[in-house]
Structures are given as structure tokens and as C-alpha cells.
Amino acid sequence: MLTLPSILTHAVAADFARGLKPLVLSQAAEVVADASTLQEFDSSALAVLLACRREALAAGKSFSVRGLPARLRQLAGLYGVAELIPATA
């Protein structure tokens, strides 16, 4: 499981995203991004999740998100990317 930081705003998202590839490659066949620790975030968190999805698919792995906060799910719907960020139990 790939755990997102508690703060994922524009100020820190790019740094976190730069380190995604090795994190994704270290995962098994399924990459699960754990968003349950997110406390402070903005739309940059969506960009990070989409980058994680791209890296997972490029590596031939499936992708899903666990614990997506309701507000971030709403942002995903607003931006039209909700279907690209599948939730897992």
C-alpha cells in the first residue's frame, strides 16, 4: 500500500509526485493508494492520484484508492476524473 501524506497541497504535491515511480514499482500487482491520512489537501491531491494511476498502469498494475475523503471525491467529480480514481474497501 502506498500511503499519501497528511498534507497534500500545491506546495508539497510536486515533490511527492516526483518520488511516485519507485513507490509504485515497489508495490505488488495492485497499487492501492491510502488516502485515509489526508488532513489538508487541495486539487493537487487529484493530480498526485492521477500520476500514481499513470505510473501503476504503465507498470502493468491495477490502481485503486482507499479512504478517499468525501471532499476530495467531490473535487474529482467536479473535475470529471472520479471514474479514474476507483475506490477500494
PDB file of N, CA and C in Angstrom:
ATOM      1  N   MET A   1       0.845  -1.171   0.000  1.00  0.00           N
ATOM      2  CA  MET A   1       0.000   0.000   0.000  1.00  0.00           C
ATOM      3  C   MET A   1       0.895   1.239   0.000  1.00  0.00           C
ATOM      4  N   LEU A   2       0.477   2.205  -0.762  1.00  0.00           N
ATOM      5  CA  LEU A   2       1.188   3.468  -0.879  1.00  0.00           C
ATOM      6  C   LEU A   2       0.405   4.504  -0.074  1.00  0.00           C
ATOM      7  N   THR A   3       0.982   5.004   1.007  1.00  0.00           N
ATOM      8  CA  THR A   3       0.282   5.927   1.893  1.00  0.00           C
ATOM      9  C   THR A   3       0.583   7.369   1.514  1.00  0.00           C
ATOM     10  N   LEU A   4      -0.481   8.123   1.303  1.00  0.00           N
ATOM     11  CA  LEU A   4      -0.338   9.541   0.991  1.00  0.00           C
ATOM     12  C   LEU A   4      -0.020  10.312   2.267  1.00  0.00           C
ATOM     13  N   PRO A   5       0.694  11.419   2.156  1.00  0.00           N
ATOM     14  CA  PRO A   5       0.995  12.220   3.348  1.00  0.00           C
ATOM     15  C   PRO A   5      -0.264  12.907   3.876  1.00  0.00           C
ATOM     16  N   SER A   6      -0.214  13.382   5.108  1.00  0.00           N
ATOM     17  CA  SER A   6      -1.388  14.032   5.689  1.00  0.00           C
ATOM     18  C   SER A   6      -1.660  15.391   5.046  1.00  0.00           C
ATOM     19  N   ILE A   7      -0.619  16.029   4.515  1.00  0.00           N
ATOM     20  CA  ILE A   7      -0.784  17.310   3.807  1.00  0.00           C
ATOM     21  C   ILE A   7      -0.369  17.103   2.354  1.00  0.00           C
ATOM     22  N   LEU A   8      -1.299  17.364   1.464  1.00  0.00           N
ATOM     23  CA  LEU A   8      -1.022  17.198   0.037  1.00  0.00           C
ATOM     24  C   LEU A   8      -1.639  18.374  -0.707  1.00  0.00           C
ATOM     25  N   THR A   9      -0.957  19.505  -0.589  1.00  0.00           N
ATOM     26  CA  THR A   9      -1.389  20.744  -1.232  1.00  0.00           C
ATOM     27  C   THR A   9      -0.415  21.089  -2.350  1.00  0.00           C
ATOM     28  N   HIS A  10      -0.713  22.157  -3.056  1.00  0.00           N
ATOM     29  CA  HIS A  10       0.131  22.592  -4.164  1.00  0.00           C
ATOM     30  C   HIS A  10       1.593  22.746  -3.735  1.00  0.00           C
ATOM     31  N   ALA A  11       1.813  23.209  -2.514  1.00  0.00           N
ATOM     32  CA  ALA A  11       3.168  23.469  -2.023  1.00  0.00           C
ATOM     33  C   ALA A  11       4.023  22.203  -1.911  1.00  0.00           C
ATOM     34  N   VAL A  12       3.397  21.048  -1.709  1.00  0.00           N
ATOM     35  CA  VAL A  12       4.170  19.816  -1.494  1.00  0.00           C
ATOM     36  C   VAL A  12       3.887  18.720  -2.517  1.00  0.00           C
ATOM     37  N   ALA A  13       2.847  18.883  -3.307  1.00  0.00           N
ATOM     38  CA  ALA A  13       2.421  17.828  -4.230  1.00  0.00           C
ATOM     39  C   ALA A  13       3.482  17.471  -5.262  1.00  0.00           C
ATOM     40  N   ALA A  14       4.151  18.449  -5.823  1.00  0.00           N
ATOM     41  CA  ALA A  14       5.153  18.175  -6.863  1.00  0.00           C
ATOM     42  C   ALA A  14       6.306  17.337  -6.310  1.00  0.00           C
ATOM     43  N   ASP A  15       6.766  17.657  -5.118  1.00  0.00           N
ATOM     44  CA  ASP A  15       7.844  16.876  -4.508  1.00  0.00           C
ATOM     45  C   ASP A  15       7.413  15.429  -4.279  1.00  0.00           C
ATOM     46  N   PHE A  16       6.202  15.256  -3.763  1.00  0.00           N
ATOM     47  CA  PHE A  16       5.711  13.894  -3.524  1.00  0.00           C
ATOM     48  C   PHE A  16       5.560  13.143  -4.844  1.00  0.00           C
ATOM     49  N   ALA A  17       5.003  13.796  -5.851  1.00  0.00           N
ATOM     50  CA  ALA A  17       4.777  13.158  -7.150  1.00  0.00           C
ATOM     51  C   ALA A  17       6.082  12.719  -7.803  1.00  0.00           C
ATOM     52  N   ARG A  18       7.155  13.481  -7.603  1.00  0.00           N
ATOM     53  CA  ARG A  18       8.447  13.105  -8.187  1.00  0.00           C
ATOM     54  C   ARG A  18       8.942  11.758  -7.665  1.00  0.00           C
ATOM     55  N   GLY A  19       8.566  11.400  -6.463  1.00  0.00           N
ATOM     56  CA  GLY A  19       9.003  10.132  -5.885  1.00  0.00           C
ATOM     57  C   GLY A  19       8.038   8.983  -6.095  1.00  0.00           C
ATOM     58  N   LEU A  20       7.005   9.183  -6.908  1.00  0.00           N
ATOM     59  CA  LEU A  20       5.981   8.148  -7.088  1.00  0.00           C
ATOM     60  C   LEU A  20       6.474   6.896  -7.805  1.00  0.00           C
ATOM     61  N   LYS A  21       7.254   7.063  -8.842  1.00  0.00           N
ATOM     62  CA  LYS A  21       7.624   5.917  -9.668  1.00  0.00           C
ATOM     63  C   LYS A  21       8.249   4.782  -8.854  1.00  0.00           C
ATOM     64  N   PRO A  22       9.281   5.037  -8.045  1.00  0.00           N
ATOM     65  CA  PRO A  22       9.840   3.929  -7.267  1.00  0.00           C
ATOM     66  C   PRO A  22       8.859   3.356  -6.247  1.00  0.00           C
ATOM     67  N   LEU A  23       7.994   4.205  -5.707  1.00  0.00           N
ATOM     68  CA  LEU A  23       6.988   3.717  -4.762  1.00  0.00           C
ATOM     69  C   LEU A  23       6.018   2.763  -5.458  1.00  0.00           C
ATOM     70  N   VAL A  24       5.579   3.144  -6.642  1.00  0.00           N
ATOM     71  CA  VAL A  24       4.658   2.304  -7.417  1.00  0.00           C
ATOM     72  C   VAL A  24       5.339   1.004  -7.828  1.00  0.00           C
ATOM     73  N   LEU A  25       6.564   1.088  -8.281  1.00  0.00           N
ATOM     74  CA  LEU A  25       7.279  -0.113  -8.722  1.00  0.00           C
ATOM     75  C   LEU A  25       7.535  -1.086  -7.579  1.00  0.00           C
ATOM     76  N   SER A  26       7.598  -0.581  -6.356  1.00  0.00           N
ATOM     77  CA  SER A  26       7.837  -1.462  -5.207  1.00  0.00           C
ATOM     78  C   SER A  26       6.578  -2.200  -4.760  1.00  0.00           C
ATOM     79  N   GLN A  27       5.434  -1.841  -5.311  1.00  0.00           N
ATOM     80  CA  GLN A  27       4.167  -2.481  -4.951  1.00  0.00           C
ATOM     81  C   GLN A  27       3.961  -3.754  -5.760  1.00  0.00           C
ATOM     82  N   ALA A  28       3.081  -4.599  -5.242  1.00  0.00           N
ATOM     83  CA  ALA A  28       2.727  -5.834  -5.948  1.00  0.00           C
ATOM     84  C   ALA A  28       1.910  -5.499  -7.195  1.00  0.00           C
ATOM     85  N   ALA A  29       1.172  -6.450  -7.692  1.00  0.00           N
ATOM     86  CA  ALA A  29       0.407  -6.277  -8.930  1.00  0.00           C
ATOM     87  C   ALA A  29      -0.692  -5.229  -8.811  1.00  0.00           C
ATOM     88  N   GLU A  30      -1.103  -4.933  -7.583  1.00  0.00           N
ATOM     89  CA  GLU A  30      -2.147  -3.924  -7.375  1.00  0.00           C
ATOM     90  C   GLU A  30      -1.567  -2.790  -6.542  1.00  0.00           C
ATOM     91  N   VAL A  31      -1.705  -1.577  -7.032  1.00  0.00           N
ATOM     92  CA  VAL A  31      -1.259  -0.405  -6.294  1.00  0.00           C
ATOM     93  C   VAL A  31      -2.491   0.207  -5.630  1.00  0.00           C
ATOM     94  N   VAL A  32      -2.472   0.232  -4.305  1.00  0.00           N
ATOM     95  CA  VAL A  32      -3.554   0.848  -3.543  1.00  0.00           C
ATOM     96  C   VAL A  32      -2.982   2.084  -2.860  1.00  0.00           C
ATOM     97  N   ALA A  33      -3.529   3.234  -3.209  1.00  0.00           N
ATOM     98  CA  ALA A  33      -3.121   4.489  -2.579  1.00  0.00           C
ATOM     99  C   ALA A  33      -4.020   4.713  -1.373  1.00  0.00           C
ATOM    100  N   ASP A  34      -3.428   4.799  -0.196  1.00  0.00           N
ATOM    101  CA  ASP A  34      -4.188   5.019   1.035  1.00  0.00           C
ATOM    102  C   ASP A  34      -4.297   6.521   1.281  1.00  0.00           C
ATOM    103  N   ALA A  35      -5.505   7.040   1.106  1.00  0.00           N
ATOM    104  CA  ALA A  35      -5.747   8.471   1.275  1.00  0.00           C
ATOM    105  C   ALA A  35      -6.389   8.771   2.630  1.00  0.00           C
ATOM    106  N   SER A  36      -6.503   7.776   3.490  1.00  0.00           N
ATOM    107  CA  SER A  36      -7.203   7.952   4.765  1.00  0.00           C
ATOM    108  C   SER A  36      -6.484   8.911   5.714  1.00  0.00           C
ATOM    109  N   THR A  37      -5.197   9.152   5.505  1.00  0.00           N
ATOM    110  CA  THR A  37      -4.460  10.057   6.389  1.00  0.00           C
ATOM    111  C   THR A  37      -4.520  11.512   5.929  1.00  0.00           C
ATOM    112  N   LEU A  38      -5.104  11.767   4.772  1.00  0.00           N
ATOM    113  CA  LEU A  38      -5.177  13.145   4.262  1.00  0.00           C
ATOM    114  C   LEU A  38      -5.968  14.040   5.218  1.00  0.00           C
ATOM    115  N   GLN A  39      -5.329  15.101   5.657  1.00  0.00           N
ATOM    116  CA  GLN A  39      -5.972  16.069   6.537  1.00  0.00           C
ATOM    117  C   GLN A  39      -6.149  17.414   5.842  1.00  0.00           C
ATOM    118  N   GLU A  40      -5.134  17.809   5.103  1.00  0.00           N
ATOM    119  CA  GLU A  40      -5.145  19.090   4.398  1.00  0.00           C
ATOM    120  C   GLU A  40      -4.754  18.821   2.946  1.00  0.00           C
ATOM    121  N   PHE A  41      -5.635  19.195   2.020  1.00  0.00           N
ATOM    122  CA  PHE A  41      -5.375  18.923   0.610  1.00  0.00           C
ATOM    123  C   PHE A  41      -6.136  19.906  -0.252  1.00  0.00           C
ATOM    124  N   ASP A  42      -5.736  19.959  -1.505  1.00  0.00           N
ATOM    125  CA  ASP A  42      -6.446  20.755  -2.492  1.00  0.00           C
ATOM    126  C   ASP A  42      -6.496  19.922  -3.776  1.00  0.00           C
ATOM    127  N   SER A  43      -6.812  20.545  -4.879  1.00  0.00           N
ATOM    128  CA  SER A  43      -6.933  19.794  -6.129  1.00  0.00           C
ATOM    129  C   SER A  43      -5.610  19.165  -6.559  1.00  0.00           C
ATOM    130  N   SER A  44      -4.503  19.610  -6.005  1.00  0.00           N
ATOM    131  CA  SER A  44      -3.211  18.993  -6.313  1.00  0.00           C
ATOM    132  C   SER A  44      -3.180  17.526  -5.892  1.00  0.00           C
ATOM    133  N   ALA A  45      -3.956  17.180  -4.888  1.00  0.00           N
ATOM    134  CA  ALA A  45      -4.033  15.784  -4.460  1.00  0.00           C
ATOM    135  C   ALA A  45      -4.595  14.912  -5.592  1.00  0.00           C
ATOM    136  N   LEU A  46      -5.529  15.470  -6.353  1.00  0.00           N
ATOM    137  CA  LEU A  46      -6.055  14.736  -7.508  1.00  0.00           C
ATOM    138  C   LEU A  46      -4.963  14.506  -8.540  1.00  0.00           C
ATOM    139  N   ALA A  47      -4.153  15.528  -8.772  1.00  0.00           N
ATOM    140  CA  ALA A  47      -3.053  15.392  -9.733  1.00  0.00           C
ATOM    141  C   ALA A  47      -2.092  14.293  -9.285  1.00  0.00           C
ATOM    142  N   VAL A  48      -1.829  14.209  -7.999  1.00  0.00           N
ATOM    143  CA  VAL A  48      -0.948  13.160  -7.471  1.00  0.00           C
ATOM    144  C   VAL A  48      -1.579  11.788  -7.671  1.00  0.00           C
ATOM    145  N   LEU A  49      -2.861  11.661  -7.375  1.00  0.00           N
ATOM    146  CA  LEU A  49      -3.535  10.369  -7.559  1.00  0.00           C
ATOM    147  C   LEU A  49      -3.551   9.958  -9.030  1.00  0.00           C
ATOM    148  N   LEU A  50      -3.767  10.913  -9.908  1.00  0.00           N
ATOM    149  CA  LEU A  50      -3.763  10.598 -11.340  1.00  0.00           C
ATOM    150  C   LEU A  50      -2.364  10.206 -11.809  1.00  0.00           C
ATOM    151  N   ALA A  51      -1.342  10.864 -11.274  1.00  0.00           N
ATOM    152  CA  ALA A  51       0.035  10.491 -11.610  1.00  0.00           C
ATOM    153  C   ALA A  51       0.346   9.093 -11.104  1.00  0.00           C
ATOM    154  N   CYS A  52      -0.138   8.781  -9.932  1.00  0.00           N
ATOM    155  CA  CYS A  52       0.052   7.446  -9.367  1.00  0.00           C
ATOM    156  C   CYS A  52      -0.639   6.401 -10.247  1.00  0.00           C
ATOM    157  N   ARG A  53      -1.835   6.727 -10.686  1.00  0.00           N
ATOM    158  CA  ARG A  53      -2.567   5.820 -11.587  1.00  0.00           C
ATOM    159  C   ARG A  53      -1.792   5.602 -12.880  1.00  0.00           C
ATOM    160  N   ARG A  54      -1.273   6.683 -13.464  1.00  0.00           N
ATOM    161  CA  ARG A  54      -0.490   6.564 -14.704  1.00  0.00           C
ATOM    162  C   ARG A  54       0.719   5.660 -14.506  1.00  0.00           C
ATOM    163  N   GLU A  55       1.438   5.857 -13.402  1.00  0.00           N
ATOM    164  CA  GLU A  55       2.622   5.036 -13.120  1.00  0.00           C
ATOM    165  C   GLU A  55       2.232   3.571 -12.927  1.00  0.00           C
ATOM    166  N   ALA A  56       1.134   3.339 -12.233  1.00  0.00           N
ATOM    167  CA  ALA A  56       0.686   1.965 -11.994  1.00  0.00           C
ATOM    168  C   ALA A  56       0.318   1.287 -13.318  1.00  0.00           C
ATOM    169  N   LEU A  57      -0.473   1.957 -14.133  1.00  0.00           N
ATOM    170  CA  LEU A  57      -0.885   1.374 -15.410  1.00  0.00           C
ATOM    171  C   LEU A  57       0.308   1.168 -16.337  1.00  0.00           C
ATOM    172  N   ALA A  58       1.260   2.099 -16.323  1.00  0.00           N
ATOM    173  CA  ALA A  58       2.458   1.961 -17.156  1.00  0.00           C
ATOM    174  C   ALA A  58       3.288   0.757 -16.730  1.00  0.00           C
ATOM    175  N   ALA A  59       3.202   0.403 -15.452  1.00  0.00           N
ATOM    176  CA  ALA A  59       3.932  -0.752 -14.931  1.00  0.00           C
ATOM    177  C   ALA A  59       3.109  -2.036 -15.025  1.00  0.00           C
ATOM    178  N   GLY A  60       1.926  -1.956 -15.650  1.00  0.00           N
ATOM    179  CA  GLY A  60       1.076  -3.137 -15.809  1.00  0.00           C
ATOM    180  C   GLY A  60       0.358  -3.548 -14.539  1.00  0.00           C
ATOM    181  N   LYS A  61       0.138  -2.594 -13.641  1.00  0.00           N
ATOM    182  CA  LYS A  61      -0.513  -2.881 -12.363  1.00  0.00           C
ATOM    183  C   LYS A  61      -1.878  -2.213 -12.306  1.00  0.00           C
ATOM    184  N   SER A  62      -2.747  -2.755 -11.482  1.00  0.00           N
ATOM    185  CA  SER A  62      -4.047  -2.120 -11.288  1.00  0.00           C
ATOM    186  C   SER A  62      -3.885  -1.004 -10.253  1.00  0.00           C
ATOM    187  N   PHE A  63      -4.882  -0.130 -10.172  1.00  0.00           N
ATOM    188  CA  PHE A  63      -4.816   1.018  -9.273  1.00  0.00           C
ATOM    189  C   PHE A  63      -6.158   1.258  -8.615  1.00  0.00           C
ATOM    190  N   SER A  64      -6.130   1.553  -7.327  1.00  0.00           N
ATOM    191  CA  SER A  64      -7.337   1.953  -6.609  1.00  0.00           C
ATOM    192  C   SER A  64      -6.929   2.824  -5.423  1.00  0.00           C
ATOM    193  N   VAL A  65      -7.925   3.465  -4.827  1.00  0.00           N
ATOM    194  CA  VAL A  65      -7.687   4.370  -3.702  1.00  0.00           C
ATOM    195  C   VAL A  65      -8.529   3.928  -2.524  1.00  0.00           C
ATOM    196  N   ARG A  66      -7.898   3.882  -1.376  1.00  0.00           N
ATOM    197  CA  ARG A  66      -8.597   3.531  -0.143  1.00  0.00           C
ATOM    198  C   ARG A  66      -8.719   4.784   0.720  1.00  0.00           C
ATOM    199  N   GLY A  67      -9.883   4.968   1.334  1.00  0.00           N
ATOM    200  CA  GLY A  67     -10.073   6.051   2.288  1.00  0.00           C
ATOM    201  C   GLY A  67     -10.104   7.446   1.688  1.00  0.00           C
ATOM    202  N   LEU A  68     -10.617   7.563   0.486  1.00  0.00           N
ATOM    203  CA  LEU A  68     -10.687   8.878  -0.176  1.00  0.00           C
ATOM    204  C   LEU A  68     -11.668   9.772   0.584  1.00  0.00           C
ATOM    205  N   PRO A  69     -11.209  10.932   1.089  1.00  0.00           N
ATOM    206  CA  PRO A  69     -12.123  11.836   1.796  1.00  0.00           C
ATOM    207  C   PRO A  69     -13.261  12.297   0.888  1.00  0.00           C
ATOM    208  N   ALA A  70     -14.422  12.498   1.491  1.00  0.00           N
ATOM    209  CA  ALA A  70     -15.608  12.899   0.726  1.00  0.00           C
ATOM    210  C   ALA A  70     -15.364  14.176  -0.065  1.00  0.00           C
ATOM    211  N   ARG A  71     -14.676  15.134   0.526  1.00  0.00           N
ATOM    212  CA  ARG A  71     -14.428  16.399  -0.178  1.00  0.00           C
ATOM    213  C   ARG A  71     -13.538  16.198  -1.405  1.00  0.00           C
ATOM    214  N   LEU A  72     -12.576  15.289  -1.300  1.00  0.00           N
ATOM    215  CA  LEU A  72     -11.717  15.013  -2.451  1.00  0.00           C
ATOM    216  C   LEU A  72     -12.493  14.245  -3.528  1.00  0.00           C
ATOM    217  N   ARG A  73     -13.396  13.378  -3.102  1.00  0.00           N
ATOM    218  CA  ARG A  73     -14.262  12.671  -4.059  1.00  0.00           C
ATOM    219  C   ARG A  73     -15.145  13.676  -4.804  1.00  0.00           C
ATOM    220  N   GLN A  74     -15.627  14.690  -4.086  1.00  0.00           N
ATOM    221  CA  GLN A  74     -16.432  15.741  -4.716  1.00  0.00           C
ATOM    222  C   GLN A  74     -15.604  16.529  -5.726  1.00  0.00           C
ATOM    223  N   LEU A  75     -14.369  16.852  -5.370  1.00  0.00           N
ATOM    224  CA  LEU A  75     -13.493  17.554  -6.307  1.00  0.00           C
ATOM    225  C   LEU A  75     -13.248  16.714  -7.560  1.00  0.00           C
ATOM    226  N   ALA A  76     -13.066  15.419  -7.374  1.00  0.00           N
ATOM    227  CA  ALA A  76     -12.849  14.526  -8.512  1.00  0.00           C
ATOM    228  C   ALA A  76     -14.066  14.544  -9.437  1.00  0.00           C
ATOM    229  N   GLY A  77     -15.249  14.566  -8.851  1.00  0.00           N
ATOM    230  CA  GLY A  77     -16.467  14.647  -9.651  1.00  0.00           C
ATOM    231  C   GLY A  77     -16.563  15.975 -10.377  1.00  0.00           C
ATOM    232  N   LEU A  78     -16.229  17.040  -9.694  1.00  0.00           N
ATOM    233  CA  LEU A  78     -16.270  18.377 -10.285  1.00  0.00           C
ATOM    234  C   LEU A  78     -15.318  18.490 -11.477  1.00  0.00           C
ATOM    235  N   TYR A  79     -14.141  17.883 -11.363  1.00  0.00           N
ATOM    236  CA  TYR A  79     -13.150  17.927 -12.439  1.00  0.00           C
ATOM    237  C   TYR A  79     -13.360  16.824 -13.485  1.00  0.00           C
ATOM    238  N   GLY A  80     -14.335  15.957 -13.265  1.00  0.00           N
ATOM    239  CA  GLY A  80     -14.644  14.915 -14.236  1.00  0.00           C
ATOM    240  C   GLY A  80     -13.651  13.757 -14.255  1.00  0.00           C
ATOM    241  N   VAL A  81     -12.984  13.501 -13.141  1.00  0.00           N
ATOM    242  CA  VAL A  81     -11.990  12.428 -13.104  1.00  0.00           C
ATOM    243  C   VAL A  81     -12.344  11.346 -12.085  1.00  0.00           C
ATOM    244  N   ALA A  82     -13.535  11.385 -11.526  1.00  0.00           N
ATOM    245  CA  ALA A  82     -13.926  10.445 -10.478  1.00  0.00           C
ATOM    246  C   ALA A  82     -13.780   8.983 -10.936  1.00  0.00           C
ATOM    247  N   GLU A  83     -14.125   8.711 -12.183  1.00  0.00           N
ATOM    248  CA  GLU A  83     -14.048   7.330 -12.669  1.00  0.00           C
ATOM    249  C   GLU A  83     -12.602   6.850 -12.819  1.00  0.00           C
ATOM    250  N   LEU A  84     -11.656   7.764 -12.825  1.00  0.00           N
ATOM    251  CA  LEU A  84     -10.249   7.392 -12.940  1.00  0.00           C
ATOM    252  C   LEU A  84      -9.620   7.083 -11.581  1.00  0.00           C
ATOM    253  N   ILE A  85     -10.379   7.350 -10.514  1.00  0.00           N
ATOM    254  CA  ILE A  85      -9.871   7.127  -9.169  1.00  0.00           C
ATOM    255  C   ILE A  85     -10.821   6.161  -8.461  1.00  0.00           C
ATOM    256  N   PRO A  86     -10.728   4.876  -8.790  1.00  0.00           N
ATOM    257  CA  PRO A  86     -11.636   3.892  -8.212  1.00  0.00           C
ATOM    258  C   PRO A  86     -11.374   3.654  -6.734  1.00  0.00           C
ATOM    259  N   ALA A  87     -12.442   3.562  -5.981  1.00  0.00           N
ATOM    260  CA  ALA A  87     -12.331   3.316  -4.539  1.00  0.00           C
ATOM    261  C   ALA A  87     -12.269   1.819  -4.257  1.00  0.00           C
ATOM    262  N   THR A  88     -11.560   1.488  -3.202  1.00  0.00           N
ATOM    263  CA  THR A  88     -11.489   0.119  -2.729  1.00  0.00           C
ATOM    264  C   THR A  88     -11.884   0.110  -1.268  1.00  0.00           C
ATOM    265  N   ALA A  89     -12.375  -1.012  -0.813  1.00  0.00           N
ATOM    266  CA  ALA A  89     -12.816  -1.123   0.589  1.00  0.00           C
ATOM    267  C   ALA A  89     -11.654  -1.206   1.538  1.00  0.00           C
TER     268      ALA A  89
END
